[in-house]
C-alpha atoms as a PDB file:
ATOM      1  CA  UNK A   1     121.227 172.218  85.554  1.00  0.00           C
ATOM      2  CA  UNK A   2     121.599 169.640  82.807  1.00  0.00           C
ATOM      3  CA  UNK A   3     121.962 171.575  79.571  1.00  0.00           C
ATOM      4  CA  UNK A   4     119.956 170.364  76.591  1.00  0.00           C
ATOM      5  CA  UNK A   5     122.357 171.371  73.831  1.00  0.00           C
ATOM      6  CA  UNK A   6     125.708 169.661  73.512  1.00  0.00           C
ATOM      7  CA  UNK A   7     128.900 171.663  73.166  1.00  0.00           C
ATOM      8  CA  UNK A   8     127.875 174.572  75.419  1.00  0.00           C
ATOM      9  CA  UNK A   9     130.540 174.101  78.108  1.00  0.00           C
ATOM     10  CA  UNK A  10     132.785 176.968  77.006  1.00  0.00           C
ATOM     11  CA  UNK A  11     129.845 179.326  76.391  1.00  0.00           C
ATOM     12  CA  UNK A  12     128.397 178.595  79.856  1.00  0.00           C
ATOM     13  CA  UNK A  13     131.836 179.146  81.424  1.00  0.00           C
ATOM     14  CA  UNK A  14     132.130 182.535  79.670  1.00  0.00           C
ATOM     15  CA  UNK A  15     128.614 183.466  80.859  1.00  0.00           C
ATOM     16  CA  UNK A  16     129.619 182.692  84.444  1.00  0.00           C
ATOM     17  CA  UNK A  17     132.921 184.583  84.194  1.00  0.00           C
ATOM     18  CA  UNK A  18     131.054 187.623  82.852  1.00  0.00           C
ATOM     19  CA  UNK A  19     128.641 187.627  85.815  1.00  0.00           C
ATOM     20  CA  UNK A  20     129.645 190.203  88.471  1.00  0.00           C
ATOM     21  CA  UNK A  21     131.643 188.786  91.398  1.00  0.00           C
ATOM     22  CA  UNK A  22     131.989 185.289  89.865  1.00  0.00           C
ATOM     23  CA  UNK A  23     135.486 183.829  89.822  1.00  0.00           C
ATOM     24  CA  UNK A  24     136.180 180.514  88.092  1.00  0.00           C
ATOM     25  CA  UNK A  25     139.278 178.338  88.500  1.00  0.00           C
ATOM     26  CA  UNK A  26     141.091 176.453  85.747  1.00  0.00           C
ATOM     27  CA  UNK A  27     139.442 173.316  84.396  1.00  0.00           C
ATOM     28  CA  UNK A  28     140.546 169.906  85.649  1.00  0.00           C
ATOM     29  CA  UNK A  29     140.126 166.604  83.882  1.00  0.00           C
ATOM     30  CA  UNK A  30     138.787 163.843  86.104  1.00  0.00           C
ATOM     31  CA  UNK A  31     138.334 160.617  84.156  1.00  0.00           C
ATOM     32  CA  UNK A  32     135.881 161.389  81.332  1.00  0.00           C
ATOM     33  CA  UNK A  33     134.875 164.781  82.740  1.00  0.00           C
ATOM     34  CA  UNK A  34     136.267 168.275  82.501  1.00  0.00           C
ATOM     35  CA  UNK A  35     135.292 170.207  85.613  1.00  0.00           C
ATOM     36  CA  UNK A  36     135.776 173.795  86.611  1.00  0.00           C
ATOM     37  CA  UNK A  37     134.790 175.135  90.016  1.00  0.00           C
ATOM     38  CA  UNK A  38     134.229 178.689  91.062  1.00  0.00           C
ATOM     39  CA  UNK A  39     132.180 180.906  93.253  1.00  0.00           C
ATOM     40  CA  UNK A  40     130.220 184.077  93.478  1.00  0.00           C
ATOM     41  CA  UNK A  41     131.659 186.170  96.316  1.00  0.00           C
ATOM     42  CA  UNK A  42     130.822 189.747  97.165  1.00  0.00           C
ATOM     43  CA  UNK A  43     132.120 189.843 100.748  1.00  0.00           C
ATOM     44  CA  UNK A  44     128.730 189.003 102.277  1.00  0.00           C
ATOM     45  CA  UNK A  45     127.578 186.040 100.175  1.00  0.00           C
ATOM     46  CA  UNK A  46     129.090 182.882  98.692  1.00  0.00           C
ATOM     47  CA  UNK A  47     127.538 180.764  95.942  1.00  0.00           C
ATOM     48  CA  UNK A  48     129.547 177.711  94.926  1.00  0.00           C
ATOM     49  CA  UNK A  49     129.600 176.672  91.267  1.00  0.00           C
ATOM     50  CA  UNK A  50     130.726 173.501  89.515  1.00  0.00           C
ATOM     51  CA  UNK A  51     130.603 173.265  85.739  1.00  0.00           C
ATOM     52  CA  UNK A  52     131.255 169.845  84.176  1.00  0.00           C
ATOM     53  CA  UNK A  53     131.490 168.479  80.650  1.00  0.00           C
ATOM     54  CA  UNK A  54     131.377 164.805  79.778  1.00  0.00           C
ATOM     55  CA  UNK A  55     134.034 164.302  77.088  1.00  0.00           C
ATOM     56  CA  UNK A  56     132.266 161.199  75.726  1.00  0.00           C
ATOM     57  CA  UNK A  57     129.051 162.985  74.717  1.00  0.00           C
ATOM     58  CA  UNK A  58     129.915 166.699  75.197  1.00  0.00           C
ATOM     59  CA  UNK A  59     126.983 167.134  77.622  1.00  0.00           C
ATOM     60  CA  UNK A  60     127.340 169.878  80.210  1.00  0.00           C
ATOM     61  CA  UNK A  61     125.999 170.340  83.745  1.00  0.00           C
ATOM     62  CA  UNK A  62     126.165 173.205  86.206  1.00  0.00           C
ATOM     63  CA  UNK A  63     125.680 172.834  89.948  1.00  0.00           C
ATOM     64  CA  UNK A  64     125.049 175.990  91.983  1.00  0.00           C
ATOM     65  CA  UNK A  65     124.605 175.920  95.753  1.00  0.00           C
ATOM     66  CA  UNK A  66     124.860 178.000  98.897  1.00  0.00           C
ATOM     67  CA  UNK A  67     124.641 177.419 102.621  1.00  0.00           C
ATOM     68  CA  UNK A  68     121.219 177.793 104.212  1.00  0.00           C
ATOM     69  CA  UNK A  69     122.869 179.660 107.085  1.00  0.00           C
ATOM     70  CA  UNK A  70     123.930 182.376 104.632  1.00  0.00           C
ATOM     71  CA  UNK A  71     122.386 185.805 105.034  1.00  0.00           C
ATOM     72  CA  UNK A  72     118.932 185.602 103.483  1.00  0.00           C
ATOM     73  CA  UNK A  73     119.894 188.492 101.210  1.00  0.00           C
ATOM     74  CA  UNK A  74     121.623 185.800  99.117  1.00  0.00           C
ATOM     75  CA  UNK A  75     118.250 184.504  97.891  1.00  0.00           C
ATOM     76  CA  UNK A  76     117.633 187.054  95.088  1.00  0.00           C
ATOM     77  CA  UNK A  77     121.308 186.907  94.080  1.00  0.00           C
ATOM     78  CA  UNK A  78     121.120 183.126  93.698  1.00  0.00           C
ATOM     79  CA  UNK A  79     117.846 183.274  91.765  1.00  0.00           C
ATOM     80  CA  UNK A  80     119.240 185.988  89.474  1.00  0.00           C
ATOM     81  CA  UNK A  81     122.427 184.039  88.785  1.00  0.00           C
ATOM     82  CA  UNK A  82     120.520 180.845  87.966  1.00  0.00           C
ATOM     83  CA  UNK A  83     117.984 182.666  85.798  1.00  0.00           C
ATOM     84  CA  UNK A  84     120.772 184.598  84.050  1.00  0.00           C
ATOM     85  CA  UNK A  85     122.287 181.302  82.925  1.00  0.00           C
ATOM     86  CA  UNK A  86     118.890 179.860  81.974  1.00  0.00           C
ATOM     87  CA  UNK A  87     118.066 182.925  79.882  1.00  0.00           C
ATOM     88  CA  UNK A  88     120.822 181.866  77.462  1.00  0.00           C
ATOM     89  CA  UNK A  89     120.788 178.049  77.749  1.00  0.00           C
ATOM     90  CA  UNK A  90     117.966 175.516  77.885  1.00  0.00           C
ATOM     91  CA  UNK A  91     118.403 173.111  80.760  1.00  0.00           C
ATOM     92  CA  UNK A  92     116.585 170.544  82.811  1.00  0.00           C
ATOM     93  CA  UNK A  93     116.891 171.930  86.350  1.00  0.00           C
ATOM     94  CA  UNK A  94     116.826 169.629  89.373  1.00  0.00           C
ATOM     95  CA  UNK A  95     116.548 170.817  92.961  1.00  0.00           C
ATOM     96  CA  UNK A  96     118.879 168.955  95.294  1.00  0.00           C
ATOM     97  CA  UNK A  97     116.153 168.936  97.942  1.00  0.00           C
ATOM     98  CA  UNK A  98     112.652 170.324  98.047  1.00  0.00           C
ATOM     99  CA  UNK A  99     110.982 171.378 101.266  1.00  0.00           C
ATOM    100  CA  UNK A 100     107.719 172.212  99.521  1.00  0.00           C
ATOM    101  CA  UNK A 101     107.680 168.890  97.644  1.00  0.00           C
ATOM    102  CA  UNK A 102     105.658 170.437  94.830  1.00  0.00           C
ATOM    103  CA  UNK A 103     108.153 169.892  92.050  1.00  0.00           C
ATOM    104  CA  UNK A 104     111.738 168.618  92.164  1.00  0.00           C
ATOM    105  CA  UNK A 105     112.664 169.337  88.562  1.00  0.00           C
ATOM    106  CA  UNK A 106     111.912 171.971  85.952  1.00  0.00           C
ATOM    107  CA  UNK A 107     112.251 170.884  82.326  1.00  0.00           C
ATOM    108  CA  UNK A 108     113.500 173.249  79.616  1.00  0.00           C
ATOM    109  CA  UNK A 109     111.010 176.017  78.997  1.00  0.00           C
ATOM    110  CA  UNK A 110     109.888 176.287  82.633  1.00  0.00           C
ATOM    111  CA  UNK A 111     112.489 178.844  83.762  1.00  0.00           C
ATOM    112  CA  UNK A 112     109.740 181.422  84.468  1.00  0.00           C
ATOM    113  CA  UNK A 113     108.022 178.906  86.746  1.00  0.00           C
ATOM    114  CA  UNK A 114     111.360 178.205  88.421  1.00  0.00           C
ATOM    115  CA  UNK A 115     111.987 181.943  88.930  1.00  0.00           C
ATOM    116  CA  UNK A 116     108.640 182.228  90.740  1.00  0.00           C
ATOM    117  CA  UNK A 117     108.950 179.116  92.915  1.00  0.00           C
ATOM    118  CA  UNK A 118     112.670 179.082  93.733  1.00  0.00           C
ATOM    119  CA  UNK A 119     112.414 181.870  96.359  1.00  0.00           C
ATOM    120  CA  UNK A 120     109.625 179.935  98.108  1.00  0.00           C
ATOM    121  CA  UNK A 121     111.732 176.745  98.036  1.00  0.00           C
ATOM    122  CA  UNK A 122     114.745 178.543  99.485  1.00  0.00           C
ATOM    123  CA  UNK A 123     112.642 180.135 102.224  1.00  0.00           C
ATOM    124  CA  UNK A 124     111.115 176.776 103.178  1.00  0.00           C
ATOM    125  CA  UNK A 125     114.503 175.027 103.219  1.00  0.00           C
ATOM    126  CA  UNK A 126     116.021 177.824 105.343  1.00  0.00           C
ATOM    127  CA  UNK A 127     113.133 177.605 107.829  1.00  0.00           C
ATOM    128  CA  UNK A 128     113.691 173.858 108.058  1.00  0.00           C
ATOM    129  CA  UNK A 129     117.448 174.385 108.608  1.00  0.00           C
ATOM    130  CA  UNK A 130     116.828 177.070 111.231  1.00  0.00           C
ATOM    131  CA  UNK A 131     114.372 174.797 113.034  1.00  0.00           C
ATOM    132  CA  UNK A 132     117.179 172.253 113.382  1.00  0.00           C
ATOM    133  CA  UNK A 133     120.247 174.463 113.883  1.00  0.00           C
ATOM    134  CA  UNK A 134     119.149 177.974 114.871  1.00  0.00           C
ATOM    135  CA  UNK A 135     119.111 181.357 113.173  1.00  0.00           C
ATOM    136  CA  UNK A 136     122.836 182.183 113.010  1.00  0.00           C
ATOM    137  CA  UNK A 137     123.716 183.664 109.589  1.00  0.00           C
ATOM    138  CA  UNK A 138     126.903 184.702 107.837  1.00  0.00           C
ATOM    139  CA  UNK A 139     129.009 184.438 104.690  1.00  0.00           C
ATOM    140  CA  UNK A 140     129.496 180.671 104.817  1.00  0.00           C
ATOM    141  CA  UNK A 141     130.658 178.002 102.359  1.00  0.00           C
ATOM    142  CA  UNK A 142     128.472 174.911 102.177  1.00  0.00           C
ATOM    143  CA  UNK A 143     131.121 172.594 103.651  1.00  0.00           C
ATOM    144  CA  UNK A 144     131.511 174.938 106.638  1.00  0.00           C
ATOM    145  CA  UNK A 145     127.783 175.135 107.471  1.00  0.00           C
ATOM    146  CA  UNK A 146     127.725 172.668 110.356  1.00  0.00           C
ATOM    147  CA  UNK A 147     130.836 173.998 112.052  1.00  0.00           C
ATOM    148  CA  UNK A 148     129.492 177.554 111.604  1.00  0.00           C
ATOM    149  CA  UNK A 149     126.375 176.691 113.632  1.00  0.00           C
ATOM    150  CA  UNK A 150     128.381 174.718 116.209  1.00  0.00           C
ATOM    151  CA  UNK A 151     127.697 171.147 115.134  1.00  0.00           C
ATOM    152  CA  UNK A 152     130.693 168.827 115.114  1.00  0.00           C
ATOM    153  CA  UNK A 153     130.607 166.444 112.171  1.00  0.00           C
ATOM    154  CA  UNK A 154     133.165 163.620 112.070  1.00  0.00           C
END
C-alpha cells in the first residue's frame, strides 16, 4: 500500500497497534527510510507487516503478507486488516503477485473492489502453491514456507 497523503506514518502505525493481535517493533532508520516491522499473531495465524516512511518526502508504504501454506482461515483476517487500514487512509494498493491476472493494482477509491476480489486472488494463489508443494497448512512465517513444506532452499 502506497499511501496518497504525506505525513501519515505515525497515524498508520497507531492504527496497526490498535488492531487486535497486532504487535509492532520499534522503528529503525535505514538510510533515508524509517521502518517498523510487526505482525498479526493469534496463535493460529501470522501476518507480517512492514511500515516505511521516506524521510526525504514523508511518503509512507505498508507491506502486509502471509504464507500461502497458512491455514485458509487467515484469508478473511488478512482482508479485514487490509481493509481496516484502507478505511482510514487512501492508498494505491499493489498485489505482489496475481494468479487471476485481472488487476495487479487498485488505485485510491477502489478499496471496495479490492475487498471483493482479494479473497479470489488469495484462493487462486493458494491453489497454485498447493499444486506445487502440497496441502500442508499451519501457522507459518513467510520465510519459513519452503522448509515447512519440506523444500530445501539454499
